[in-house]
Amino acid sequence: MKNIELNSETFWVKIVDFLQQNWALIEMIDDKVIVYFIQDASMVFDKIEFKTIEDAEKGLLKNGFKLYLDNNENFQDFIVPPKKPYGESPRPIYSSGQYWKF
């Protein structure tokens, strides 16, 4: 299995079902802004490229993601983000546009 090296530790989270979350990390790679989507089991399943970090953050908010450390939500009281190393299990859920509002 191929590991994916991600440096960001600023998690975004979307609760999609009972005891199931989708996580996102915004990465700057070679002047590109890429949002990586990670499941609870530390597997990267999708990614979307944006022009700016601001565009990535707006896209995440528009699609129901919230900052994990947002004190208004208290996510850290009941869910834990995925841990490194991150593996790869491609499923274009968001990048296909089926579940993503561009």
C-alpha atoms as a PDB file:
ATOM      1  CA  MET A   1       0.000   0.000   0.000  1.00  0.00           C
ATOM      2  CA  LYS A   2       1.270   3.445  -0.946  1.00  0.00           C
ATOM      3  CA  ASN A   3       1.541   6.010   1.862  1.00  0.00           C
ATOM      4  CA  ILE A   4       0.617   9.641   1.228  1.00  0.00           C
ATOM      5  CA  GLU A   5       2.712  12.230   3.031  1.00  0.00           C
ATOM      6  CA  LEU A   6       0.581  15.132   4.268  1.00  0.00           C
ATOM      7  CA  ASN A   7       2.025  17.893   6.424  1.00  0.00           C
ATOM      8  CA  SER A   8      -1.018  19.886   7.470  1.00  0.00           C
ATOM      9  CA  GLU A   9      -2.492  19.179  10.881  1.00  0.00           C
ATOM     10  CA  THR A  10      -5.430  21.585  10.547  1.00  0.00           C
ATOM     11  CA  PHE A  11      -8.278  19.135  10.161  1.00  0.00           C
ATOM     12  CA  TRP A  12     -11.679  19.907   8.734  1.00  0.00           C
ATOM     13  CA  VAL A  13     -14.462  17.448   9.520  1.00  0.00           C
ATOM     14  CA  LYS A  14     -17.895  16.569   8.168  1.00  0.00           C
ATOM     15  CA  ILE A  15     -20.094  14.157  10.066  1.00  0.00           C
ATOM     16  CA  VAL A  16     -21.697  12.034   7.350  1.00  0.00           C
ATOM     17  CA  ASP A  17     -23.396   9.313   9.381  1.00  0.00           C
ATOM     18  CA  PHE A  18     -23.606   7.934  12.887  1.00  0.00           C
ATOM     19  CA  LEU A  19     -19.994   7.305  13.990  1.00  0.00           C
ATOM     20  CA  GLN A  20     -18.650   8.152  10.517  1.00  0.00           C
ATOM     21  CA  GLN A  21     -16.782  11.296   9.568  1.00  0.00           C
ATOM     22  CA  ASN A  22     -15.028  12.547   6.472  1.00  0.00           C
ATOM     23  CA  TRP A  23     -11.894  14.544   7.157  1.00  0.00           C
ATOM     24  CA  ALA A  24     -10.065  17.076   5.003  1.00  0.00           C
ATOM     25  CA  LEU A  25      -6.589  18.588   5.031  1.00  0.00           C
ATOM     26  CA  ILE A  26      -5.504  21.546   2.882  1.00  0.00           C
ATOM     27  CA  GLU A  27      -2.008  21.116   1.441  1.00  0.00           C
ATOM     28  CA  MET A  28       0.221  23.473  -0.557  1.00  0.00           C
ATOM     29  CA  ILE A  29       2.192  21.381  -3.051  1.00  0.00           C
ATOM     30  CA  ASP A  30       4.300  23.047  -5.766  1.00  0.00           C
ATOM     31  CA  ASP A  31       2.157  26.224  -5.801  1.00  0.00           C
ATOM     32  CA  LYS A  32      -1.026  24.126  -5.904  1.00  0.00           C
ATOM     33  CA  VAL A  33      -3.694  24.085  -3.207  1.00  0.00           C
ATOM     34  CA  ILE A  34      -5.075  20.578  -2.810  1.00  0.00           C
ATOM     35  CA  VAL A  35      -7.707  19.385  -0.364  1.00  0.00           C
ATOM     36  CA  TYR A  36      -7.215  15.745   0.568  1.00  0.00           C
ATOM     37  CA  PHE A  37     -10.211  13.827   1.918  1.00  0.00           C
ATOM     38  CA  ILE A  38      -9.514  11.134   4.487  1.00  0.00           C
ATOM     39  CA  GLN A  39     -11.751   8.539   6.092  1.00  0.00           C
ATOM     40  CA  ASP A  40     -11.618   7.633   9.779  1.00  0.00           C
ATOM     41  CA  ALA A  41      -9.294   4.691   9.040  1.00  0.00           C
ATOM     42  CA  SER A  42      -6.560   7.080   7.734  1.00  0.00           C
ATOM     43  CA  MET A  43      -7.172   6.297   4.061  1.00  0.00           C
ATOM     44  CA  VAL A  44      -7.103   9.172   1.543  1.00  0.00           C
ATOM     45  CA  PHE A  45     -10.072   8.588  -0.734  1.00  0.00           C
ATOM     46  CA  ASP A  46     -10.303  11.765  -2.823  1.00  0.00           C
ATOM     47  CA  LYS A  47      -8.762  15.170  -3.552  1.00  0.00           C
ATOM     48  CA  ILE A  48      -9.766  18.446  -5.186  1.00  0.00           C
ATOM     49  CA  GLU A  49      -7.458  21.212  -6.402  1.00  0.00           C
ATOM     50  CA  PHE A  50      -8.254  24.888  -5.739  1.00  0.00           C
ATOM     51  CA  LYS A  51      -6.728  28.164  -6.904  1.00  0.00           C
ATOM     52  CA  THR A  52      -6.216  29.579  -3.379  1.00  0.00           C
ATOM     53  CA  ILE A  53      -6.403  28.495   0.255  1.00  0.00           C
ATOM     54  CA  GLU A  54      -9.366  30.856   0.648  1.00  0.00           C
ATOM     55  CA  ASP A  55     -11.201  29.061  -2.186  1.00  0.00           C
ATOM     56  CA  ALA A  56     -10.479  25.710  -0.527  1.00  0.00           C
ATOM     57  CA  GLU A  57     -11.801  26.923   2.830  1.00  0.00           C
ATOM     58  CA  LYS A  58     -14.936  28.407   1.227  1.00  0.00           C
ATOM     59  CA  GLY A  59     -15.527  25.129  -0.640  1.00  0.00           C
ATOM     60  CA  LEU A  60     -15.200  23.089   2.535  1.00  0.00           C
ATOM     61  CA  LEU A  61     -17.601  25.363   4.433  1.00  0.00           C
ATOM     62  CA  LYS A  62     -20.103  25.356   1.551  1.00  0.00           C
ATOM     63  CA  ASN A  63     -20.079  21.547   1.594  1.00  0.00           C
ATOM     64  CA  GLY A  64     -20.667  21.062   5.298  1.00  0.00           C
ATOM     65  CA  PHE A  65     -17.113  20.765   6.622  1.00  0.00           C
ATOM     66  CA  LYS A  66     -16.103  22.602   9.772  1.00  0.00           C
ATOM     67  CA  LEU A  67     -12.763  23.191  11.434  1.00  0.00           C
ATOM     68  CA  TYR A  68     -12.100  20.363  13.870  1.00  0.00           C
ATOM     69  CA  LEU A  69     -10.746  22.725  16.522  1.00  0.00           C
ATOM     70  CA  ASP A  70     -13.746  25.065  16.280  1.00  0.00           C
ATOM     71  CA  ASN A  71     -14.579  25.673  19.937  1.00  0.00           C
ATOM     72  CA  ASN A  72     -18.259  26.193  19.131  1.00  0.00           C
ATOM     73  CA  GLU A  73     -18.590  22.578  17.988  1.00  0.00           C
ATOM     74  CA  ASN A  74     -16.519  20.752  20.646  1.00  0.00           C
ATOM     75  CA  PHE A  75     -15.664  17.998  18.139  1.00  0.00           C
ATOM     76  CA  GLN A  76     -12.562  17.073  20.141  1.00  0.00           C
ATOM     77  CA  ASP A  77     -14.855  15.935  22.978  1.00  0.00           C
ATOM     78  CA  PHE A  78     -16.272  13.034  20.957  1.00  0.00           C
ATOM     79  CA  ILE A  79     -14.256  12.349  17.775  1.00  0.00           C
ATOM     80  CA  VAL A  80     -10.562  11.936  16.995  1.00  0.00           C
ATOM     81  CA  PRO A  81      -8.971  12.750  13.620  1.00  0.00           C
ATOM     82  CA  PRO A  82      -7.234  10.048  11.581  1.00  0.00           C
ATOM     83  CA  LYS A  83      -3.618   9.342  12.393  1.00  0.00           C
ATOM     84  CA  LYS A  84      -0.542   9.119  10.174  1.00  0.00           C
ATOM     85  CA  PRO A  85       0.525   7.297   8.087  1.00  0.00           C
ATOM     86  CA  TYR A  86      -2.167   7.933   5.521  1.00  0.00           C
ATOM     87  CA  GLY A  87      -2.829   5.245   2.968  1.00  0.00           C
ATOM     88  CA  GLU A  88      -4.604   5.486  -0.367  1.00  0.00           C
ATOM     89  CA  SER A  89      -8.019   4.079  -1.230  1.00  0.00           C
ATOM     90  CA  PRO A  90      -9.272   6.107  -4.231  1.00  0.00           C
ATOM     91  CA  ARG A  91     -13.012   6.766  -4.431  1.00  0.00           C
ATOM     92  CA  PRO A  92     -13.862  10.001  -6.282  1.00  0.00           C
ATOM     93  CA  ILE A  93     -16.827  10.903  -4.095  1.00  0.00           C
ATOM     94  CA  TYR A  94     -16.307  14.667  -3.951  1.00  0.00           C
ATOM     95  CA  SER A  95     -14.180  15.298  -7.055  1.00  0.00           C
ATOM     96  CA  SER A  96     -16.830  13.630  -9.232  1.00  0.00           C
ATOM     97  CA  GLY A  97     -19.194  16.473  -8.296  1.00  0.00           C
ATOM     98  CA  GLN A  98     -21.879  14.062  -7.151  1.00  0.00           C
ATOM     99  CA  TYR A  99     -21.562  15.140  -3.504  1.00  0.00           C
ATOM    100  CA  TRP A 100     -19.740  18.457  -3.931  1.00  0.00           C
ATOM    101  CA  LYS A 101     -21.158  21.913  -4.619  1.00  0.00           C
ATOM    102  CA  PHE A 102     -18.592  23.768  -6.704  1.00  0.00           C
END
